[in-house]
Amino acid sequence: MPLFERHIFVCTNQRPEGSQRGCCDPEGKRALQSMFKAALARRGLKGAIRANAAGCLDQCEHGPTVVVYPEAVWYGGVTANDVEQIVESHVMGGVPVERLRIADECLNAKSCAHRVPNEVRVPEPEKQHR
């Protein structure tokens, strides 16, 4: 099997309703990932480009979050209406969609205009293991 040219990672992490950090997939349906997969399939790119569901990408305040590799271009606030543009412009044309890019200074930063300071956050309940 040939190597994939690109990987699109779509955050599908869920947080409790009302979380201060936000949530990339509040309904838990992986709708964005499904839309990316369908858009790629319509263009005959299945096998060349992979759209993966990802766990938390730790950019919750910017979500829904998508990252495209190997370029490591991070997108935030991605909606269903943005999928076609990301596929056409970036994946097929090699031109990232600037209006959706997360600023480099916000990625993995302890603070940026979008992040809730730790001292303001209300601790989220621990997940229960059964």
Protein backbone atom coordinates (compact mmCIF):
# COMPACT_ATOMS: atom_id res chain seq x y z
CA MET A 1 0.00 0.00 0.00
CA PRO A 2 1.43 3.42 -0.91
CA LEU A 3 2.02 6.03 1.76
CA PHE A 4 -0.60 8.70 2.33
CA GLU A 5 0.28 12.11 0.91
CA ARG A 6 -1.52 13.94 3.70
CA HIS A 7 -3.35 13.23 6.92
CA ILE A 8 -6.26 15.34 8.12
CA PHE A 9 -6.81 14.93 11.86
CA VAL A 10 -10.24 16.04 13.04
CA CYS A 11 -10.71 16.47 16.78
CA THR A 12 -13.66 14.43 17.99
CA ASN A 13 -13.12 15.04 21.70
CA GLN A 14 -16.16 15.62 23.87
CA ARG A 15 -16.40 17.65 27.05
CA PRO A 16 -19.31 18.15 29.40
CA GLU A 17 -21.90 20.69 28.27
CA GLY A 18 -20.93 24.20 29.35
CA SER A 19 -17.21 23.45 29.62
CA GLN A 20 -15.20 26.68 29.61
CA ARG A 21 -12.68 25.15 27.23
CA GLY A 22 -15.28 24.30 24.63
CA CYS A 23 -15.82 21.06 22.80
CA CYS A 24 -14.93 20.00 19.28
CA ASP A 25 -17.63 17.35 18.86
CA PRO A 26 -20.48 18.08 21.29
CA GLU A 27 -22.90 15.63 19.66
CA GLY A 28 -20.32 12.84 19.45
CA LYS A 29 -21.27 12.07 15.85
CA ARG A 30 -17.89 12.72 14.20
CA ALA A 31 -19.78 14.73 11.59
CA LEU A 32 -16.79 16.83 10.46
CA GLN A 33 -14.61 13.77 10.00
CA SER A 34 -17.36 12.10 7.96
CA MET A 35 -17.67 15.21 5.79
CA PHE A 36 -13.93 15.27 5.13
CA LYS A 37 -13.97 11.57 4.23
CA ALA A 38 -16.89 12.09 1.85
CA ALA A 39 -15.27 15.15 0.23
CA LEU A 40 -12.07 13.19 -0.36
CA ALA A 41 -13.95 10.18 -1.75
CA ARG A 42 -15.92 12.37 -4.19
CA ARG A 43 -12.62 13.59 -5.59
CA GLY A 44 -11.09 10.13 -5.86
CA LEU A 45 -8.57 10.87 -3.10
CA LYS A 46 -9.39 7.92 -0.86
CA GLY A 47 -6.11 6.10 -0.38
CA ALA A 48 -4.00 9.19 -1.03
CA ILE A 49 -5.36 11.45 1.71
CA ARG A 50 -6.61 10.16 5.05
CA ALA A 51 -9.17 11.91 7.27
CA ASN A 52 -8.70 10.56 10.79
CA ALA A 53 -10.74 11.02 13.93
CA ALA A 54 -8.45 12.32 16.66
CA GLY A 55 -8.79 12.52 20.38
CA CYS A 56 -8.16 15.83 22.09
CA LEU A 57 -5.70 17.99 20.17
CA ASP A 58 -5.55 20.35 23.18
CA GLN A 59 -6.73 23.37 21.22
CA CYS A 60 -10.25 23.25 22.67
CA GLU A 61 -10.74 27.02 22.79
CA HIS A 62 -10.12 27.11 19.04
CA GLY A 63 -12.40 24.20 18.21
CA PRO A 64 -13.63 22.47 16.32
CA THR A 65 -9.99 21.84 15.47
CA VAL A 66 -8.47 20.23 12.38
CA VAL A 67 -4.76 19.78 11.59
CA VAL A 68 -3.33 18.82 8.20
CA TYR A 69 -0.01 16.99 7.96
CA PRO A 70 2.71 16.90 6.77
CA GLU A 71 2.44 20.72 6.67
CA ALA A 72 1.24 20.93 10.29
CA VAL A 73 -1.37 23.55 9.43
CA TRP A 74 -3.83 23.97 12.30
CA TYR A 75 -7.38 25.17 11.70
CA GLY A 76 -9.84 26.36 14.32
CA GLY A 77 -13.56 27.06 14.36
CA VAL A 78 -14.04 24.65 11.46
CA THR A 79 -17.65 24.12 10.43
CA ALA A 80 -19.39 21.93 7.86
CA ASN A 81 -19.32 24.93 5.52
CA ASP A 82 -15.49 24.99 5.62
CA VAL A 83 -14.79 21.38 4.65
CA GLU A 84 -15.00 21.84 0.89
CA GLN A 85 -12.76 24.92 0.98
CA ILE A 86 -10.09 23.16 3.05
CA VAL A 87 -10.13 20.18 0.69
CA GLU A 88 -10.11 22.28 -2.50
CA SER A 89 -7.70 25.01 -1.43
CA HIS A 90 -5.30 23.23 0.91
CA VAL A 91 -5.47 19.50 0.29
CA MET A 92 -5.76 19.70 -3.49
CA GLY A 93 -4.27 23.12 -4.22
CA GLY A 94 -1.60 23.35 -1.54
CA VAL A 95 -2.85 26.74 -0.31
CA PRO A 96 -3.93 26.82 3.35
CA VAL A 97 -7.19 28.57 4.23
CA GLU A 98 -5.80 31.57 6.11
CA ARG A 99 -9.08 32.74 7.65
CA LEU A 100 -9.30 29.45 9.61
CA ARG A 101 -5.66 29.07 10.64
CA ILE A 102 -4.84 29.08 14.32
CA ALA A 103 -2.09 31.63 14.89
CA ASP A 104 1.28 30.07 15.66
CA GLU A 105 1.51 32.07 18.88
CA CYS A 106 -1.73 30.46 20.09
CA LEU A 107 -0.70 26.84 19.46
CA ASN A 108 0.29 25.09 22.67
CA ALA A 109 0.60 28.44 24.41
CA LYS A 110 -0.17 28.83 28.09
CA SER A 111 -2.17 31.91 27.22
CA CYS A 112 -3.61 33.62 24.17
CA ALA A 113 -6.72 35.64 23.48
CA HIS A 114 -8.76 32.43 23.18
CA ARG A 115 -7.61 30.51 26.24
CA VAL A 116 -9.30 30.65 29.59
CA PRO A 117 -6.65 31.19 32.29
CA ASN A 118 -6.19 28.16 34.56
CA GLU A 119 -7.14 30.14 37.65
CA VAL A 120 -10.53 30.96 36.09
CA ARG A 121 -11.34 27.43 34.98
CA VAL A 122 -13.74 25.37 36.97
CA PRO A 123 -12.33 21.85 37.34
CA GLU A 124 -14.18 19.41 35.12
CA PRO A 125 -15.52 16.22 36.65
CA GLU A 126 -13.30 13.18 36.32
CA LYS A 127 -14.45 10.50 33.90
CA GLN A 128 -15.80 7.48 35.68
CA HIS A 129 -14.31 4.15 34.73
CA ARG A 130 -16.58 1.15 34.90
